[in-house]
Amino acid sequence: MRRRVEALEKQDYLMKVGTKKTRWGYDTPLYHLTPRAELAMTLSKTDLDRFVKEADYHRLITMLDVLTSS
C-alpha cells in the first residue's frame, strides 16, 4: 500500500496535507487528491462521444479552448 501511495504522490495525484495521530500514538500522513487526480477521475467517468454529440456550441467551444490552450 505504501509503495502505491508514494507512486501516486510522485506522479502528482496525491499530496500530503497533514498528519494525524493513530490510536497507538504514531503520526500518519493525511493525503488529498490533486487537481490532476480530480480531472483524471472526471474524465474517466465522462463519455466524451456523448458530450460531443449532445453539448451545445458554447460548451463545445469552451472545451475546445481548454484543450487547445496548453
N, C-alpha and C. Protein backbone atom coordinates (compact mmCIF):
# COMPACT_ATOMS: atom_id res chain seq x y z
N MET A 1 0.83 -1.19 0.00
CA MET A 1 0.00 0.00 0.00
C MET A 1 0.88 1.26 0.00
N ARG A 2 1.91 1.25 0.81
CA ARG A 2 2.77 2.43 0.93
C ARG A 2 3.45 2.76 -0.40
N ARG A 3 3.88 1.73 -1.12
CA ARG A 3 4.54 1.97 -2.41
C ARG A 3 3.59 2.61 -3.40
N ARG A 4 2.34 2.15 -3.41
CA ARG A 4 1.35 2.71 -4.33
C ARG A 4 1.06 4.17 -3.99
N VAL A 5 0.93 4.48 -2.73
CA VAL A 5 0.69 5.86 -2.30
C VAL A 5 1.88 6.74 -2.69
N GLU A 6 3.09 6.25 -2.46
CA GLU A 6 4.28 7.01 -2.84
C GLU A 6 4.34 7.22 -4.35
N ALA A 7 3.96 6.21 -5.13
CA ALA A 7 3.94 6.35 -6.59
C ALA A 7 2.92 7.39 -7.03
N LEU A 8 1.74 7.38 -6.42
CA LEU A 8 0.70 8.36 -6.75
C LEU A 8 1.13 9.78 -6.36
N GLU A 9 1.84 9.88 -5.24
CA GLU A 9 2.35 11.18 -4.82
C GLU A 9 3.42 11.68 -5.80
N LYS A 10 4.30 10.80 -6.23
CA LYS A 10 5.36 11.17 -7.16
C LYS A 10 4.78 11.58 -8.52
N GLN A 11 3.68 10.95 -8.93
CA GLN A 11 3.02 11.27 -10.19
C GLN A 11 2.10 12.48 -10.08
N ASP A 12 2.04 13.10 -8.92
CA ASP A 12 1.23 14.29 -8.64
C ASP A 12 -0.27 14.01 -8.67
N TYR A 13 -0.67 12.83 -8.16
CA TYR A 13 -2.09 12.53 -7.99
C TYR A 13 -2.52 12.68 -6.53
N LEU A 14 -1.58 12.59 -5.62
CA LEU A 14 -1.84 12.78 -4.19
C LEU A 14 -0.86 13.79 -3.63
N MET A 15 -1.31 14.54 -2.61
CA MET A 15 -0.40 15.44 -1.90
C MET A 15 -0.68 15.31 -0.40
N LYS A 16 0.40 15.40 0.37
CA LYS A 16 0.26 15.37 1.82
C LYS A 16 -0.32 16.69 2.28
N VAL A 17 -1.33 16.60 3.15
CA VAL A 17 -1.95 17.82 3.67
C VAL A 17 -1.83 17.94 5.19
N GLY A 18 -1.21 16.94 5.80
CA GLY A 18 -1.04 17.00 7.24
C GLY A 18 -0.75 15.63 7.80
N THR A 19 -0.86 15.53 9.10
CA THR A 19 -0.67 14.25 9.78
C THR A 19 -1.77 14.07 10.82
N LYS A 20 -1.92 12.84 11.24
CA LYS A 20 -2.91 12.50 12.26
C LYS A 20 -2.31 11.46 13.18
N LYS A 21 -2.60 11.57 14.45
CA LYS A 21 -2.14 10.58 15.43
C LYS A 21 -3.05 9.36 15.38
N THR A 22 -2.44 8.19 15.36
CA THR A 22 -3.21 6.96 15.42
C THR A 22 -3.55 6.65 16.87
N ARG A 23 -4.35 5.61 17.07
CA ARG A 23 -4.68 5.21 18.44
C ARG A 23 -3.44 4.85 19.25
N TRP A 24 -2.42 4.37 18.56
CA TRP A 24 -1.21 3.93 19.24
C TRP A 24 -0.18 5.04 19.37
N GLY A 25 -0.54 6.26 18.94
CA GLY A 25 0.34 7.40 19.13
C GLY A 25 1.29 7.71 18.00
N TYR A 26 1.17 6.98 16.90
CA TYR A 26 2.04 7.24 15.74
C TYR A 26 1.44 8.32 14.86
N ASP A 27 2.31 9.10 14.25
CA ASP A 27 1.85 10.07 13.25
C ASP A 27 1.72 9.37 11.91
N THR A 28 0.59 9.57 11.26
CA THR A 28 0.38 9.01 9.93
C THR A 28 -0.01 10.14 8.98
N PRO A 29 0.50 10.13 7.77
CA PRO A 29 0.20 11.23 6.85
C PRO A 29 -1.24 11.21 6.35
N LEU A 30 -1.77 12.41 6.12
CA LEU A 30 -3.08 12.57 5.50
C LEU A 30 -2.86 13.07 4.09
N TYR A 31 -3.59 12.53 3.16
CA TYR A 31 -3.43 12.87 1.75
C TYR A 31 -4.71 13.47 1.19
N HIS A 32 -4.55 14.24 0.13
CA HIS A 32 -5.68 14.83 -0.58
C HIS A 32 -5.42 14.64 -2.06
N LEU A 33 -6.49 14.47 -2.83
CA LEU A 33 -6.34 14.37 -4.29
C LEU A 33 -5.93 15.72 -4.86
N THR A 34 -5.03 15.69 -5.83
CA THR A 34 -4.62 16.93 -6.50
C THR A 34 -5.62 17.22 -7.62
N PRO A 35 -5.57 18.43 -8.17
CA PRO A 35 -6.44 18.73 -9.32
C PRO A 35 -6.22 17.76 -10.48
N ARG A 36 -4.99 17.28 -10.67
CA ARG A 36 -4.70 16.29 -11.71
C ARG A 36 -5.52 15.02 -11.48
N ALA A 37 -5.59 14.56 -10.24
CA ALA A 37 -6.36 13.36 -9.92
C ALA A 37 -7.85 13.60 -10.08
N GLU A 38 -8.32 14.76 -9.65
CA GLU A 38 -9.74 15.10 -9.80
C GLU A 38 -10.14 15.10 -11.27
N LEU A 39 -9.29 15.71 -12.11
CA LEU A 39 -9.57 15.74 -13.55
C LEU A 39 -9.54 14.35 -14.14
N ALA A 40 -8.57 13.54 -13.76
CA ALA A 40 -8.47 12.17 -14.28
C ALA A 40 -9.72 11.37 -13.93
N MET A 41 -10.22 11.52 -12.71
CA MET A 41 -11.42 10.81 -12.30
C MET A 41 -12.64 11.30 -13.08
N THR A 42 -12.74 12.60 -13.27
CA THR A 42 -13.87 13.16 -14.01
C THR A 42 -13.84 12.70 -15.46
N LEU A 43 -12.67 12.73 -16.08
CA LEU A 43 -12.56 12.30 -17.47
C LEU A 43 -12.87 10.82 -17.64
N SER A 44 -12.49 10.02 -16.65
CA SER A 44 -12.76 8.58 -16.76
C SER A 44 -14.26 8.29 -16.66
N LYS A 45 -15.01 9.18 -16.02
CA LYS A 45 -16.45 9.00 -15.87
C LYS A 45 -17.24 9.66 -17.01
N THR A 46 -16.57 10.47 -17.82
CA THR A 46 -17.25 11.23 -18.85
C THR A 46 -17.22 10.48 -20.18
N ASP A 47 -18.37 10.34 -20.78
CA ASP A 47 -18.47 9.76 -22.11
C ASP A 47 -18.26 10.90 -23.11
N LEU A 48 -17.03 11.02 -23.61
CA LEU A 48 -16.70 12.16 -24.48
C LEU A 48 -17.45 12.10 -25.81
N ASP A 49 -17.72 10.91 -26.33
CA ASP A 49 -18.51 10.81 -27.56
C ASP A 49 -19.90 11.40 -27.35
N ARG A 50 -20.50 11.06 -26.23
CA ARG A 50 -21.82 11.59 -25.90
C ARG A 50 -21.76 13.10 -25.71
N PHE A 51 -20.72 13.58 -25.03
CA PHE A 51 -20.55 15.01 -24.82
C PHE A 51 -20.50 15.75 -26.16
N VAL A 52 -19.69 15.24 -27.09
CA VAL A 52 -19.55 15.89 -28.39
C VAL A 52 -20.87 15.89 -29.15
N LYS A 53 -21.64 14.82 -29.04
CA LYS A 53 -22.91 14.74 -29.75
C LYS A 53 -24.00 15.60 -29.13
N GLU A 54 -23.99 15.76 -27.79
CA GLU A 54 -25.12 16.39 -27.11
C GLU A 54 -24.85 17.80 -26.58
N ALA A 55 -23.61 18.21 -26.47
CA ALA A 55 -23.31 19.52 -25.89
C ALA A 55 -23.69 20.64 -26.85
N ASP A 56 -24.08 21.78 -26.25
CA ASP A 56 -24.37 22.94 -27.10
C ASP A 56 -23.05 23.57 -27.55
N TYR A 57 -23.14 24.49 -28.52
CA TYR A 57 -21.94 25.08 -29.10
C TYR A 57 -21.08 25.81 -28.06
N HIS A 58 -21.73 26.46 -27.10
CA HIS A 58 -20.96 27.18 -26.08
C HIS A 58 -20.04 26.22 -25.31
N ARG A 59 -20.59 25.08 -24.88
CA ARG A 59 -19.78 24.11 -24.13
C ARG A 59 -18.71 23.49 -25.02
N LEU A 60 -19.05 23.20 -26.26
CA LEU A 60 -18.06 22.64 -27.18
C LEU A 60 -16.90 23.60 -27.42
N ILE A 61 -17.21 24.87 -27.63
CA ILE A 61 -16.16 25.87 -27.86
C ILE A 61 -15.31 26.04 -26.61
N THR A 62 -15.94 26.05 -25.45
CA THR A 62 -15.21 26.17 -24.19
C THR A 62 -14.26 24.99 -24.01
N MET A 63 -14.75 23.78 -24.26
CA MET A 63 -13.90 22.59 -24.12
C MET A 63 -12.76 22.64 -25.13
N LEU A 64 -13.05 23.04 -26.33
CA LEU A 64 -12.01 23.15 -27.37
C LEU A 64 -10.95 24.16 -26.98
N ASP A 65 -11.36 25.30 -26.45
CA ASP A 65 -10.41 26.31 -25.98
C ASP A 65 -9.51 25.76 -24.88
N VAL A 66 -10.10 25.06 -23.93
CA VAL A 66 -9.33 24.50 -22.81
C VAL A 66 -8.33 23.47 -23.33
N LEU A 67 -8.76 22.60 -24.21
CA LEU A 67 -7.88 21.53 -24.68
C LEU A 67 -6.79 22.01 -25.62
N THR A 68 -7.02 23.10 -26.33
CA THR A 68 -6.01 23.57 -27.27
C THR A 68 -5.12 24.68 -26.71
N SER A 69 -5.42 25.16 -25.51
CA SER A 69 -4.64 26.26 -24.94
C SER A 69 -3.33 25.80 -24.30
N SER A 70 -3.17 24.53 -24.06
CA SER A 70 -1.93 24.06 -23.41
C SER A 70 -1.00 23.59 -24.45
